[in-house]
Amino acid sequence: MENKIDPSFRILRRRSSASERAKEMEAINCIVSGKNVLITGGAAGLGNAFLNHFLKHGANKIIILDIDAETSKRIALGIEKSCGEKKVHFIHTDVSNHKQVAEAFKEASSLLGNIDIVINNAGVLDERRWEKEIAVNIGGMVGTAMLAMKYMSRDTGGNGGILVNVSQHMDIRNTAQLPVYSATKQAVIGLSQSLSDPYHYEKTGVTVITLCPGLTETALTIDSPNRLLSRVMKADFVKNLEQFSIQTPYVVAQGLMTILRIGECGSIWVIESGRAPYEVYVPNPRTLRRHYKNNFPHVETKVTRGRAIREVCDSTRTDLMSCA
């Protein structure tokens, strides 16, 4: 992927003025207002925060796919009472069951007419039941992504749209207690990179973006120490978590609205520590090669397009520029 601004990342740091914020709100409304949105895992945590922000910015109708029927129905009913119309529809779905997901998309398409934005968010963390973890976090993610492409694709009668696949921002040096969960979240990067290739985009008109939230205050995070492979791991895992700042789902959802405004097809975005989102790039494998000379790592420097690049980098950079 071509580096357009900086070879490592693009970050939105400067605090904006009131007029700039108003312009950004207007720009976000232009993208979201009147659009039909489908969110997997929308009953709680990040999914629920995404739901509220889409409503705030004028989304037309929103479909929630979730396995938690009671909570989802309560949310939909509450929004209907406050808005005076049925803007949110709930479809009971286990995303690990592809047949259910396919039927849910068919029902959603019937209810909405067309789907404009899909937030592929549903996920679980339970290392003790890693088969389920893989089924939801990879099987469910892939199934939802494929159906989103099918229903939004211009070459199958859709209008194009936006697909956001939710991964995770984590430091690979601190994932010893989460081997399966880490693997499933890294798989999302590969899925998005493939689906965002011009080969697909030129046919479908679907912009594929990857969102990688950092440590976020959700039920999944709070309960994670109790869902490790072994109780012995709990103390070390909690100690690792204490090194990081935790953010609210609200901040992540707010950041996603900005990403929808400026994110390009194939872009990968991180939101961590409650800060503004920043874009990261999948590094060129050549920059990760390690050479040895006399049994010692040897660093070579080459100049490409006027920039010096390190031919051999520290192995800690192999986490997709901090975004695996």
C-alpha atoms as a PDB file:
ATOM      1  CA  MET A   1       0.000   0.000   0.000  1.00  0.00           C
ATOM      2  CA  GLU A   2       1.393   3.364  -0.999  1.00  0.00           C
ATOM      3  CA  ASN A   3       2.451   5.727   1.775  1.00  0.00           C
ATOM      4  CA  LYS A   4       0.723   8.991   0.999  1.00  0.00           C
ATOM      5  CA  ILE A   5       1.545  11.214   3.938  1.00  0.00           C
ATOM      6  CA  ASP A   6       4.023   9.486   6.172  1.00  0.00           C
ATOM      7  CA  PRO A   7       5.599   6.014   5.875  1.00  0.00           C
ATOM      8  CA  SER A   8       4.471   5.046   9.360  1.00  0.00           C
ATOM      9  CA  PHE A   9       1.245   6.853  10.259  1.00  0.00           C
ATOM     10  CA  ARG A  10      -1.044   9.799   9.853  1.00  0.00           C
ATOM     11  CA  ILE A  11      -2.435  11.263  13.048  1.00  0.00           C
ATOM     12  CA  LEU A  12      -5.119  13.830  13.783  1.00  0.00           C
ATOM     13  CA  ARG A  13      -3.789  15.633  16.839  1.00  0.00           C
ATOM     14  CA  ARG A  14      -4.394  19.353  16.663  1.00  0.00           C
ATOM     15  CA  ARG A  15      -7.294  20.518  18.751  1.00  0.00           C
ATOM     16  CA  SER A  16      -9.887  21.962  16.397  1.00  0.00           C
ATOM     17  CA  SER A  17     -11.766  25.231  16.842  1.00  0.00           C
ATOM     18  CA  ALA A  18     -15.527  25.478  17.272  1.00  0.00           C
ATOM     19  CA  SER A  19     -15.993  26.420  13.619  1.00  0.00           C
ATOM     20  CA  GLU A  20     -13.839  23.496  12.491  1.00  0.00           C
ATOM     21  CA  ARG A  21     -15.818  21.103  14.676  1.00  0.00           C
ATOM     22  CA  ALA A  22     -19.039  22.439  13.197  1.00  0.00           C
ATOM     23  CA  LYS A  23     -17.695  21.879   9.688  1.00  0.00           C
ATOM     24  CA  GLU A  24     -16.620  18.360  10.595  1.00  0.00           C
ATOM     25  CA  MET A  25     -20.069  17.606  12.042  1.00  0.00           C
ATOM     26  CA  GLU A  26     -21.622  18.853   8.823  1.00  0.00           C
ATOM     27  CA  ALA A  27     -19.252  16.702   6.749  1.00  0.00           C
ATOM     28  CA  ILE A  28     -20.038  13.614   8.853  1.00  0.00           C
ATOM     29  CA  ASN A  29     -23.769  14.300   8.558  1.00  0.00           C
ATOM     30  CA  CYS A  30     -23.392  14.419   4.767  1.00  0.00           C
ATOM     31  CA  ILE A  31     -21.958  10.890   4.838  1.00  0.00           C
ATOM     32  CA  VAL A  32     -24.252   9.362   7.477  1.00  0.00           C
ATOM     33  CA  SER A  33     -27.518  11.280   7.234  1.00  0.00           C
ATOM     34  CA  GLY A  34     -30.218   9.339   5.444  1.00  0.00           C
ATOM     35  CA  LYS A  35     -28.104   6.199   5.214  1.00  0.00           C
ATOM     36  CA  ASN A  36     -29.156   2.687   6.182  1.00  0.00           C
ATOM     37  CA  VAL A  37     -26.722   1.009   8.563  1.00  0.00           C
ATOM     38  CA  LEU A  38     -26.217  -2.584   9.709  1.00  0.00           C
ATOM     39  CA  ILE A  39     -24.217  -3.278  12.883  1.00  0.00           C
ATOM     40  CA  THR A  40     -23.244  -6.713  14.175  1.00  0.00           C
ATOM     41  CA  GLY A  41     -22.905  -6.941  17.944  1.00  0.00           C
ATOM     42  CA  GLY A  42     -24.844  -3.724  18.364  1.00  0.00           C
ATOM     43  CA  ALA A  43     -26.557  -4.486  21.673  1.00  0.00           C
ATOM     44  CA  ALA A  44     -23.706  -3.481  23.985  1.00  0.00           C
ATOM     45  CA  GLY A  45     -20.194  -2.086  24.206  1.00  0.00           C
ATOM     46  CA  LEU A  46     -18.700  -0.622  21.042  1.00  0.00           C
ATOM     47  CA  GLY A  47     -21.623  -1.722  18.894  1.00  0.00           C
ATOM     48  CA  ASN A  48     -24.115   0.183  21.020  1.00  0.00           C
ATOM     49  CA  ALA A  49     -21.898   3.281  20.981  1.00  0.00           C
ATOM     50  CA  PHE A  50     -21.725   3.064  17.180  1.00  0.00           C
ATOM     51  CA  LEU A  51     -25.525   2.793  17.084  1.00  0.00           C
ATOM     52  CA  ASN A  52     -26.009   5.947  19.151  1.00  0.00           C
ATOM     53  CA  HIS A  53     -23.574   7.968  17.051  1.00  0.00           C
ATOM     54  CA  PHE A  54     -25.221   6.923  13.790  1.00  0.00           C
ATOM     55  CA  LEU A  55     -28.564   8.051  15.223  1.00  0.00           C
ATOM     56  CA  LYS A  56     -26.995  11.316  16.351  1.00  0.00           C
ATOM     57  CA  HIS A  57     -25.755  12.014  12.824  1.00  0.00           C
ATOM     58  CA  GLY A  58     -29.091  11.322  11.171  1.00  0.00           C
ATOM     59  CA  ALA A  59     -28.925   7.747   9.924  1.00  0.00           C
ATOM     60  CA  ASN A  60     -32.193   6.688   8.293  1.00  0.00           C
ATOM     61  CA  LYS A  61     -32.620   3.189   9.705  1.00  0.00           C
ATOM     62  CA  ILE A  62     -30.302   0.865  11.606  1.00  0.00           C
ATOM     63  CA  ILE A  63     -30.330  -2.917  11.829  1.00  0.00           C
ATOM     64  CA  ILE A  64     -28.774  -4.621  14.865  1.00  0.00           C
ATOM     65  CA  LEU A  65     -27.612  -8.213  14.469  1.00  0.00           C
ATOM     66  CA  ASP A  66     -26.951  -9.637  17.918  1.00  0.00           C
ATOM     67  CA  ILE A  67     -27.282 -12.836  19.903  1.00  0.00           C
ATOM     68  CA  ASP A  68     -28.592 -10.937  22.955  1.00  0.00           C
ATOM     69  CA  ALA A  69     -32.282 -10.753  22.099  1.00  0.00           C
ATOM     70  CA  GLU A  70     -33.520  -9.206  25.350  1.00  0.00           C
ATOM     71  CA  THR A  71     -31.099  -6.275  25.382  1.00  0.00           C
ATOM     72  CA  SER A  72     -31.465  -5.601  21.662  1.00  0.00           C
ATOM     73  CA  LYS A  73     -35.265  -5.488  21.811  1.00  0.00           C
ATOM     74  CA  ARG A  74     -35.138  -3.167  24.812  1.00  0.00           C
ATOM     75  CA  ILE A  75     -32.782  -0.797  22.957  1.00  0.00           C
ATOM     76  CA  ALA A  76     -34.925  -0.795  19.814  1.00  0.00           C
ATOM     77  CA  LEU A  77     -38.087  -0.117  21.811  1.00  0.00           C
ATOM     78  CA  GLY A  78     -36.445   2.676  23.802  1.00  0.00           C
ATOM     79  CA  ILE A  79     -35.235   4.405  20.638  1.00  0.00           C
ATOM     80  CA  GLU A  80     -38.668   4.047  19.051  1.00  0.00           C
ATOM     81  CA  LYS A  81     -40.272   5.787  22.047  1.00  0.00           C
ATOM     82  CA  SER A  82     -37.731   8.624  22.069  1.00  0.00           C
ATOM     83  CA  CYS A  83     -37.690   9.152  18.295  1.00  0.00           C
ATOM     84  CA  GLY A  84     -41.381   8.590  17.672  1.00  0.00           C
ATOM     85  CA  GLU A  85     -40.630   6.167  14.847  1.00  0.00           C
ATOM     86  CA  LYS A  86     -39.098   2.745  14.372  1.00  0.00           C
ATOM     87  CA  LYS A  87     -35.565   3.660  13.364  1.00  0.00           C
ATOM     88  CA  VAL A  88     -33.839   0.592  14.834  1.00  0.00           C
ATOM     89  CA  HIS A  89     -34.696  -3.002  13.977  1.00  0.00           C
ATOM     90  CA  PHE A  90     -33.287  -6.015  15.787  1.00  0.00           C
ATOM     91  CA  ILE A  91     -32.625  -9.380  14.143  1.00  0.00           C
ATOM     92  CA  HIS A  92     -31.588 -12.201  16.462  1.00  0.00           C
ATOM     93  CA  THR A  93     -28.409 -13.627  14.943  1.00  0.00           C
ATOM     94  CA  ASP A  94     -25.487 -15.796  15.972  1.00  0.00           C
ATOM     95  CA  VAL A  95     -22.773 -14.574  13.590  1.00  0.00           C
ATOM     96  CA  SER A  96     -20.901 -17.870  13.918  1.00  0.00           C
ATOM     97  CA  ASN A  97     -23.862 -19.503  12.133  1.00  0.00           C
ATOM     98  CA  HIS A  98     -23.507 -18.456   8.492  1.00  0.00           C
ATOM     99  CA  LYS A  99     -27.040 -19.560   7.606  1.00  0.00           C
ATOM    100  CA  GLN A 100     -28.456 -17.217  10.263  1.00  0.00           C
ATOM    101  CA  VAL A 101     -26.294 -14.337   9.036  1.00  0.00           C
ATOM    102  CA  ALA A 102     -27.361 -14.892   5.431  1.00  0.00           C
ATOM    103  CA  GLU A 103     -31.034 -14.912   6.458  1.00  0.00           C
ATOM    104  CA  ALA A 104     -30.480 -11.779   8.568  1.00  0.00           C
ATOM    105  CA  PHE A 105     -28.982  -9.901   5.606  1.00  0.00           C
ATOM    106  CA  LYS A 106     -31.905 -10.973   3.438  1.00  0.00           C
ATOM    107  CA  GLU A 107     -34.364  -9.672   6.046  1.00  0.00           C
ATOM    108  CA  ALA A 108     -32.351  -6.471   6.513  1.00  0.00           C
ATOM    109  CA  SER A 109     -32.338  -5.849   2.771  1.00  0.00           C
ATOM    110  CA  SER A 110     -36.100  -6.316   2.714  1.00  0.00           C
ATOM    111  CA  LEU A 111     -36.602  -3.880   5.603  1.00  0.00           C
ATOM    112  CA  LEU A 112     -34.182  -1.238   4.358  1.00  0.00           C
ATOM    113  CA  GLY A 113     -34.377  -1.514   0.604  1.00  0.00           C
ATOM    114  CA  ASN A 114     -30.639  -1.002   0.396  1.00  0.00           C
ATOM    115  CA  ILE A 115     -27.734  -1.210   2.855  1.00  0.00           C
ATOM    116  CA  ASP A 116     -25.220   1.659   2.799  1.00  0.00           C
ATOM    117  CA  ILE A 117     -22.883   1.032   5.745  1.00  0.00           C
ATOM    118  CA  VAL A 118     -21.964  -2.207   7.523  1.00  0.00           C
ATOM    119  CA  ILE A 119     -20.073  -2.206  10.829  1.00  0.00           C
ATOM    120  CA  ASN A 120     -18.619  -5.708  11.186  1.00  0.00           C
ATOM    121  CA  ASN A 121     -18.140  -5.542  14.939  1.00  0.00           C
ATOM    122  CA  ALA A 122     -19.329  -8.736  16.684  1.00  0.00           C
ATOM    123  CA  GLY A 123     -16.599 -10.553  18.596  1.00  0.00           C
ATOM    124  CA  VAL A 124     -15.870 -12.578  21.722  1.00  0.00           C
ATOM    125  CA  LEU A 125     -12.913 -13.191  23.989  1.00  0.00           C
ATOM    126  CA  ASP A 126     -12.817 -16.601  25.637  1.00  0.00           C
ATOM    127  CA  GLU A 127      -9.528 -18.471  25.368  1.00  0.00           C
ATOM    128  CA  ARG A 128     -11.040 -21.441  27.207  1.00  0.00           C
ATOM    129  CA  ARG A 129     -13.510 -21.938  24.364  1.00  0.00           C
ATOM    130  CA  TRP A 130     -11.165 -21.005  21.560  1.00  0.00           C
ATOM    131  CA  GLU A 131     -13.166 -22.932  18.947  1.00  0.00           C
ATOM    132  CA  LYS A 132     -16.082 -20.552  19.570  1.00  0.00           C
ATOM    133  CA  GLU A 133     -13.664 -17.625  19.544  1.00  0.00           C
ATOM    134  CA  ILE A 134     -12.468 -18.603  16.072  1.00  0.00           C
ATOM    135  CA  ALA A 135     -16.016 -19.286  14.865  1.00  0.00           C
ATOM    136  CA  VAL A 136     -17.205 -15.803  15.896  1.00  0.00           C
ATOM    137  CA  ASN A 137     -14.107 -13.660  15.389  1.00  0.00           C
ATOM    138  CA  ILE A 138     -13.016 -15.182  12.084  1.00  0.00           C
ATOM    139  CA  GLY A 139     -15.967 -17.183  10.742  1.00  0.00           C
ATOM    140  CA  GLY A 140     -18.499 -14.526  11.705  1.00  0.00           C
ATOM    141  CA  MET A 141     -16.278 -11.688  10.513  1.00  0.00           C
ATOM    142  CA  VAL A 142     -15.643 -13.315   7.131  1.00  0.00           C
ATOM    143  CA  GLY A 143     -19.285 -14.325   6.639  1.00  0.00           C
ATOM    144  CA  THR A 144     -20.549 -10.833   7.457  1.00  0.00           C
ATOM    145  CA  ALA A 145     -17.938  -9.182   5.230  1.00  0.00           C
ATOM    146  CA  MET A 146     -18.775 -11.391   2.250  1.00  0.00           C
ATOM    147  CA  LEU A 147     -22.497 -10.754   2.598  1.00  0.00           C
ATOM    148  CA  ALA A 148     -21.896  -7.013   3.032  1.00  0.00           C
ATOM    149  CA  MET A 149     -19.927  -6.983  -0.220  1.00  0.00           C
ATOM    150  CA  LYS A 150     -22.671  -8.939  -1.954  1.00  0.00           C
ATOM    151  CA  TYR A 151     -25.556  -6.708  -0.856  1.00  0.00           C
ATOM    152  CA  MET A 152     -23.767  -3.368  -1.320  1.00  0.00           C
ATOM    153  CA  SER A 153     -21.851  -4.244  -4.499  1.00  0.00           C
ATOM    154  CA  ARG A 154     -22.692  -2.261  -7.610  1.00  0.00           C
ATOM    155  CA  ASP A 155     -22.220  -5.296  -9.825  1.00  0.00           C
ATOM    156  CA  THR A 156     -25.046  -7.097  -7.991  1.00  0.00           C
ATOM    157  CA  GLY A 157     -27.499  -4.209  -7.966  1.00  0.00           C
ATOM    158  CA  GLY A 158     -26.273  -2.329  -4.891  1.00  0.00           C
ATOM    159  CA  ASN A 159     -25.158   1.286  -4.640  1.00  0.00           C
ATOM    160  CA  GLY A 160     -21.701   0.673  -3.223  1.00  0.00           C
ATOM    161  CA  GLY A 161     -21.104   1.590   0.407  1.00  0.00           C
ATOM    162  CA  ILE A 162     -18.753   1.339   3.357  1.00  0.00           C
ATOM    163  CA  LEU A 163     -17.671  -1.795   5.211  1.00  0.00           C
ATOM    164  CA  VAL A 164     -15.838  -1.312   8.517  1.00  0.00           C
ATOM    165  CA  ASN A 165     -14.159  -4.432   9.912  1.00  0.00           C
ATOM    166  CA  VAL A 166     -13.350  -4.065  13.610  1.00  0.00           C
ATOM    167  CA  SER A 167     -10.002  -5.528  14.666  1.00  0.00           C
ATOM    168  CA  GLN A 168      -7.957  -4.667  17.766  1.00  0.00           C
ATOM    169  CA  HIS A 169      -4.962  -2.502  18.550  1.00  0.00           C
ATOM    170  CA  MET A 170      -2.549  -4.454  20.730  1.00  0.00           C
ATOM    171  CA  ASP A 171       1.163  -4.676  21.376  1.00  0.00           C
ATOM    172  CA  ILE A 172       2.327  -8.173  20.396  1.00  0.00           C
ATOM    173  CA  ARG A 173       4.778  -8.097  23.306  1.00  0.00           C
ATOM    174  CA  ASN A 174       1.812  -8.186  25.698  1.00  0.00           C
ATOM    175  CA  THR A 175      -0.400 -10.877  24.191  1.00  0.00           C
ATOM    176  CA  ALA A 176       1.118 -14.036  25.679  1.00  0.00           C
ATOM    177  CA  GLN A 177      -2.125 -14.786  27.531  1.00  0.00           C
ATOM    178  CA  LEU A 178      -4.315 -14.243  24.439  1.00  0.00           C
ATOM    179  CA  PRO A 179      -2.847 -16.426  21.661  1.00  0.00           C
ATOM    180  CA  VAL A 180      -6.123 -17.308  19.927  1.00  0.00           C
ATOM    181  CA  TYR A 181      -7.818 -13.933  20.357  1.00  0.00           C
ATOM    182  CA  SER A 182      -4.712 -12.191  18.997  1.00  0.00           C
ATOM    183  CA  ALA A 183      -4.656 -14.520  15.989  1.00  0.00           C
ATOM    184  CA  THR A 184      -8.319 -13.855  15.207  1.00  0.00           C
ATOM    185  CA  LYS A 185      -7.848 -10.093  15.334  1.00  0.00           C
ATOM    186  CA  GLN A 186      -4.782 -10.209  13.104  1.00  0.00           C
ATOM    187  CA  ALA A 187      -6.829 -12.221  10.606  1.00  0.00           C
ATOM    188  CA  VAL A 188      -9.189  -9.245  10.259  1.00  0.00           C
ATOM    189  CA  ILE A 189      -6.306  -7.151   8.892  1.00  0.00           C
ATOM    190  CA  GLY A 190      -5.639  -9.679   6.140  1.00  0.00           C
ATOM    191  CA  LEU A 191      -9.330  -9.954   5.284  1.00  0.00           C
ATOM    192  CA  SER A 192      -9.703  -6.184   4.951  1.00  0.00           C
ATOM    193  CA  GLN A 193      -6.533  -5.757   2.922  1.00  0.00           C
ATOM    194  CA  SER A 194      -7.721  -8.346   0.420  1.00  0.00           C
ATOM    195  CA  LEU A 195     -11.276  -7.009   0.088  1.00  0.00           C
ATOM    196  CA  SER A 196     -10.029  -3.427  -0.275  1.00  0.00           C
ATOM    197  CA  ASP A 197      -7.819  -4.250  -3.260  1.00  0.00           C
ATOM    198  CA  PRO A 198      -8.685  -2.253  -6.418  1.00  0.00           C
ATOM    199  CA  TYR A 199      -9.640  -5.581  -8.023  1.00  0.00           C
ATOM    200  CA  HIS A 200     -12.681  -5.661  -5.719  1.00  0.00           C
ATOM    201  CA  TYR A 201     -13.274  -1.934  -5.256  1.00  0.00           C
ATOM    202  CA  GLU A 202     -13.586  -1.194  -8.973  1.00  0.00           C
ATOM    203  CA  LYS A 203     -16.325  -3.827  -9.291  1.00  0.00           C
ATOM    204  CA  THR A 204     -18.184  -3.268  -6.034  1.00  0.00           C
ATOM    205  CA  GLY A 205     -17.759   0.385  -5.114  1.00  0.00           C
ATOM    206  CA  VAL A 206     -17.469  -0.746  -1.489  1.00  0.00           C
ATOM    207  CA  THR A 207     -14.906   1.113   0.621  1.00  0.00           C
ATOM    208  CA  VAL A 208     -13.352  -1.313   3.113  1.00  0.00           C
ATOM    209  CA  ILE A 209     -11.826   0.197   6.258  1.00  0.00           C
ATOM    210  CA  THR A 210     -10.262  -1.477   9.298  1.00  0.00           C
ATOM    211  CA  LEU A 211     -10.836  -0.026  12.769  1.00  0.00           C
ATOM    212  CA  CYS A 212      -8.448  -1.048  15.545  1.00  0.00           C
ATOM    213  CA  PRO A 213      -9.576   0.224  18.962  1.00  0.00           C
ATOM    214  CA  GLY A 214      -7.145   0.091  21.832  1.00  0.00           C
ATOM    215  CA  LEU A 215      -8.101  -1.000  25.344  1.00  0.00           C
ATOM    216  CA  THR A 216     -11.755  -0.019  25.734  1.00  0.00           C
ATOM    217  CA  GLU A 217     -14.101  -0.236  28.712  1.00  0.00           C
ATOM    218  CA  THR A 218     -16.536  -2.924  27.606  1.00  0.00           C
ATOM    219  CA  ALA A 219     -17.885  -6.098  29.172  1.00  0.00           C
ATOM    220  CA  LEU A 220     -15.493  -8.064  26.971  1.00  0.00           C
ATOM    221  CA  THR A 221     -12.496  -6.241  28.444  1.00  0.00           C
ATOM    222  CA  ILE A 222     -13.701  -6.233  32.049  1.00  0.00           C
ATOM    223  CA  ASP A 223     -14.400  -9.959  32.052  1.00  0.00           C
ATOM    224  CA  SER A 224     -11.329 -10.934  30.015  1.00  0.00           C
ATOM    225  CA  PRO A 225      -9.103 -11.899  33.012  1.00  0.00           C
ATOM    226  CA  ASN A 226     -11.617 -14.651  33.816  1.00  0.00           C
ATOM    227  CA  ARG A 227     -11.567 -16.075  30.291  1.00  0.00           C
ATOM    228  CA  LEU A 228      -7.925 -17.055  29.890  1.00  0.00           C
ATOM    229  CA  LEU A 229      -6.579 -20.517  29.179  1.00  0.00           C
ATOM    230  CA  SER A 230      -5.420 -20.887  32.766  1.00  0.00           C
ATOM    231  CA  ARG A 231      -6.081 -19.174  36.107  1.00  0.00           C
ATOM    232  CA  VAL A 232      -2.312 -18.979  36.583  1.00  0.00           C
ATOM    233  CA  MET A 233      -2.185 -16.420  33.743  1.00  0.00           C
ATOM    234  CA  LYS A 234      -4.615 -14.022  35.404  1.00  0.00           C
ATOM    235  CA  ALA A 235      -2.145 -12.093  37.579  1.00  0.00           C
ATOM    236  CA  ASP A 236       0.289 -11.480  34.706  1.00  0.00           C
ATOM    237  CA  PHE A 237      -2.528 -10.518  32.368  1.00  0.00           C
ATOM    238  CA  VAL A 238      -3.969  -7.978  34.804  1.00  0.00           C
ATOM    239  CA  LYS A 239      -0.490  -6.561  35.368  1.00  0.00           C
ATOM    240  CA  ASN A 240      -0.092  -6.088  31.595  1.00  0.00           C
ATOM    241  CA  LEU A 241      -3.461  -4.362  31.335  1.00  0.00           C
ATOM    242  CA  GLU A 242      -2.434  -1.871  34.004  1.00  0.00           C
ATOM    243  CA  GLN A 243       0.229  -0.518  31.645  1.00  0.00           C
ATOM    244  CA  PHE A 244      -2.376   0.849  29.251  1.00  0.00           C
ATOM    245  CA  SER A 245      -4.868   3.701  29.428  1.00  0.00           C
ATOM    246  CA  ILE A 246      -8.466   2.616  29.006  1.00  0.00           C
ATOM    247  CA  GLN A 247     -10.944   4.560  26.875  1.00  0.00           C
ATOM    248  CA  THR A 248     -14.723   4.666  26.639  1.00  0.00           C
ATOM    249  CA  PRO A 249     -16.770   3.229  23.750  1.00  0.00           C
ATOM    250  CA  TYR A 250     -18.102   6.752  23.185  1.00  0.00           C
ATOM    251  CA  VAL A 251     -14.630   7.992  22.188  1.00  0.00           C
ATOM    252  CA  VAL A 252     -14.155   5.094  19.761  1.00  0.00           C
ATOM    253  CA  ALA A 253     -17.553   5.697  18.139  1.00  0.00           C
ATOM    254  CA  GLN A 254     -16.823   9.403  17.865  1.00  0.00           C
ATOM    255  CA  GLY A 255     -13.521   8.578  16.192  1.00  0.00           C
ATOM    256  CA  LEU A 256     -15.243   6.218  13.770  1.00  0.00           C
ATOM    257  CA  MET A 257     -17.441   9.069  12.527  1.00  0.00           C
ATOM    258  CA  THR A 258     -14.292  11.019  11.637  1.00  0.00           C
ATOM    259  CA  ILE A 259     -12.800   7.954   9.945  1.00  0.00           C
ATOM    260  CA  LEU A 260     -15.923   7.523   7.804  1.00  0.00           C
ATOM    261  CA  ARG A 261     -15.383  11.077   6.586  1.00  0.00           C
ATOM    262  CA  ILE A 262     -11.707  10.815   5.618  1.00  0.00           C
ATOM    263  CA  GLY A 263     -10.821   7.108   5.506  1.00  0.00           C
ATOM    264  CA  GLU A 264      -9.819   5.692   2.133  1.00  0.00           C
ATOM    265  CA  CYS A 265     -10.438   2.161   0.911  1.00  0.00           C
ATOM    266  CA  GLY A 266      -7.838  -0.137   2.464  1.00  0.00           C
ATOM    267  CA  SER A 267      -6.940   2.233   5.291  1.00  0.00           C
ATOM    268  CA  ILE A 268      -6.297   0.950   8.823  1.00  0.00           C
ATOM    269  CA  TRP A 269      -7.124   3.208  11.755  1.00  0.00           C
ATOM    270  CA  VAL A 270      -6.195   3.058  15.429  1.00  0.00           C
ATOM    271  CA  ILE A 271      -8.033   4.751  18.289  1.00  0.00           C
ATOM    272  CA  GLU A 272      -6.261   4.372  21.631  1.00  0.00           C
ATOM    273  CA  SER A 273      -6.067   6.066  25.028  1.00  0.00           C
ATOM    274  CA  GLY A 274      -9.057   8.277  24.238  1.00  0.00           C
ATOM    275  CA  ARG A 275      -7.146  10.181  21.563  1.00  0.00           C
ATOM    276  CA  ALA A 276      -7.999  11.144  17.993  1.00  0.00           C
ATOM    277  CA  PRO A 277      -7.791   8.346  15.400  1.00  0.00           C
ATOM    278  CA  TYR A 278      -4.622   7.843  13.409  1.00  0.00           C
ATOM    279  CA  GLU A 279      -3.898   5.829  10.301  1.00  0.00           C
ATOM    280  CA  VAL A 280      -1.262   3.110  10.114  1.00  0.00           C
ATOM    281  CA  TYR A 281       0.220   1.200   7.204  1.00  0.00           C
ATOM    282  CA  VAL A 282       1.071  -2.423   6.600  1.00  0.00           C
ATOM    283  CA  PRO A 283       4.883  -2.323   6.252  1.00  0.00           C
ATOM    284  CA  ASN A 284       6.691  -3.552   3.179  1.00  0.00           C
ATOM    285  CA  PRO A 285       8.102  -7.020   4.053  1.00  0.00           C
ATOM    286  CA  ARG A 286      11.471  -5.904   2.675  1.00  0.00           C
ATOM    287  CA  THR A 287      11.817  -3.438   5.523  1.00  0.00           C
ATOM    288  CA  LEU A 288      11.426  -6.293   8.019  1.00  0.00           C
ATOM    289  CA  ARG A 289      14.194  -8.551   6.726  1.00  0.00           C
ATOM    290  CA  ARG A 290      16.912  -9.454   9.210  1.00  0.00           C
ATOM    291  CA  HIS A 291      20.386 -10.202   7.852  1.00  0.00           C
ATOM    292  CA  TYR A 292      23.255 -11.748   9.766  1.00  0.00           C
ATOM    293  CA  LYS A 293      26.958 -11.060   9.434  1.00  0.00           C
ATOM    294  CA  ASN A 294      29.391 -13.101  11.541  1.00  0.00           C
ATOM    295  CA  ASN A 295      26.404 -14.424  13.522  1.00  0.00           C
ATOM    296  CA  PHE A 296      25.271 -10.929  14.508  1.00  0.00           C
ATOM    297  CA  PRO A 297      22.253  -9.003  13.205  1.00  0.00           C
ATOM    298  CA  HIS A 298      23.384  -6.622  10.487  1.00  0.00           C
ATOM    299  CA  VAL A 299      21.533  -3.432   9.615  1.00  0.00           C
ATOM    300  CA  GLU A 300      21.711  -2.088   6.096  1.00  0.00           C
ATOM    301  CA  THR A 301      20.378   1.255   4.981  1.00  0.00           C
ATOM    302  CA  LYS A 302      19.099   1.951   1.505  1.00  0.00           C
ATOM    303  CA  VAL A 303      17.753   5.158   0.057  1.00  0.00           C
ATOM    304  CA  THR A 304      14.370   4.938  -1.621  1.00  0.00           C
ATOM    305  CA  ARG A 305      12.638   8.026  -3.052  1.00  0.00           C
ATOM    306  CA  GLY A 306      14.988  10.215  -1.074  1.00  0.00           C
ATOM    307  CA  ARG A 307      14.283   8.535   2.264  1.00  0.00           C
ATOM    308  CA  ALA A 308      16.633   6.291   4.175  1.00  0.00           C
ATOM    309  CA  ILE A 309      14.953   3.022   5.180  1.00  0.00           C
ATOM    310  CA  ARG A 310      16.208   0.364   7.541  1.00  0.00           C
ATOM    311  CA  GLU A 311      16.556  -2.976   5.804  1.00  0.00           C
ATOM    312  CA  VAL A 312      16.501  -4.725   9.167  1.00  0.00           C
ATOM    313  CA  CYS A 313      14.208  -3.629  11.933  1.00  0.00           C
ATOM    314  CA  ASP A 314      13.598  -4.757  15.459  1.00  0.00           C
ATOM    315  CA  SER A 315      11.311  -7.763  15.519  1.00  0.00           C
ATOM    316  CA  THR A 316       8.760  -5.877  17.640  1.00  0.00           C
ATOM    317  CA  ARG A 317       7.730  -3.984  14.506  1.00  0.00           C
ATOM    318  CA  THR A 318       6.208  -7.065  12.980  1.00  0.00           C
ATOM    319  CA  ASP A 319       2.838  -6.220  14.530  1.00  0.00           C
ATOM    320  CA  LEU A 320       1.619  -4.434  11.402  1.00  0.00           C
ATOM    321  CA  MET A 321       2.908  -1.068  12.519  1.00  0.00           C
ATOM    322  CA  SER A 322       1.339  -1.409  15.977  1.00  0.00           C
ATOM    323  CA  CYS A 323      -2.031  -2.368  14.570  1.00  0.00           C
ATOM    324  CA  ALA A 324      -2.390  -6.122  14.748  1.00  0.00           C
END
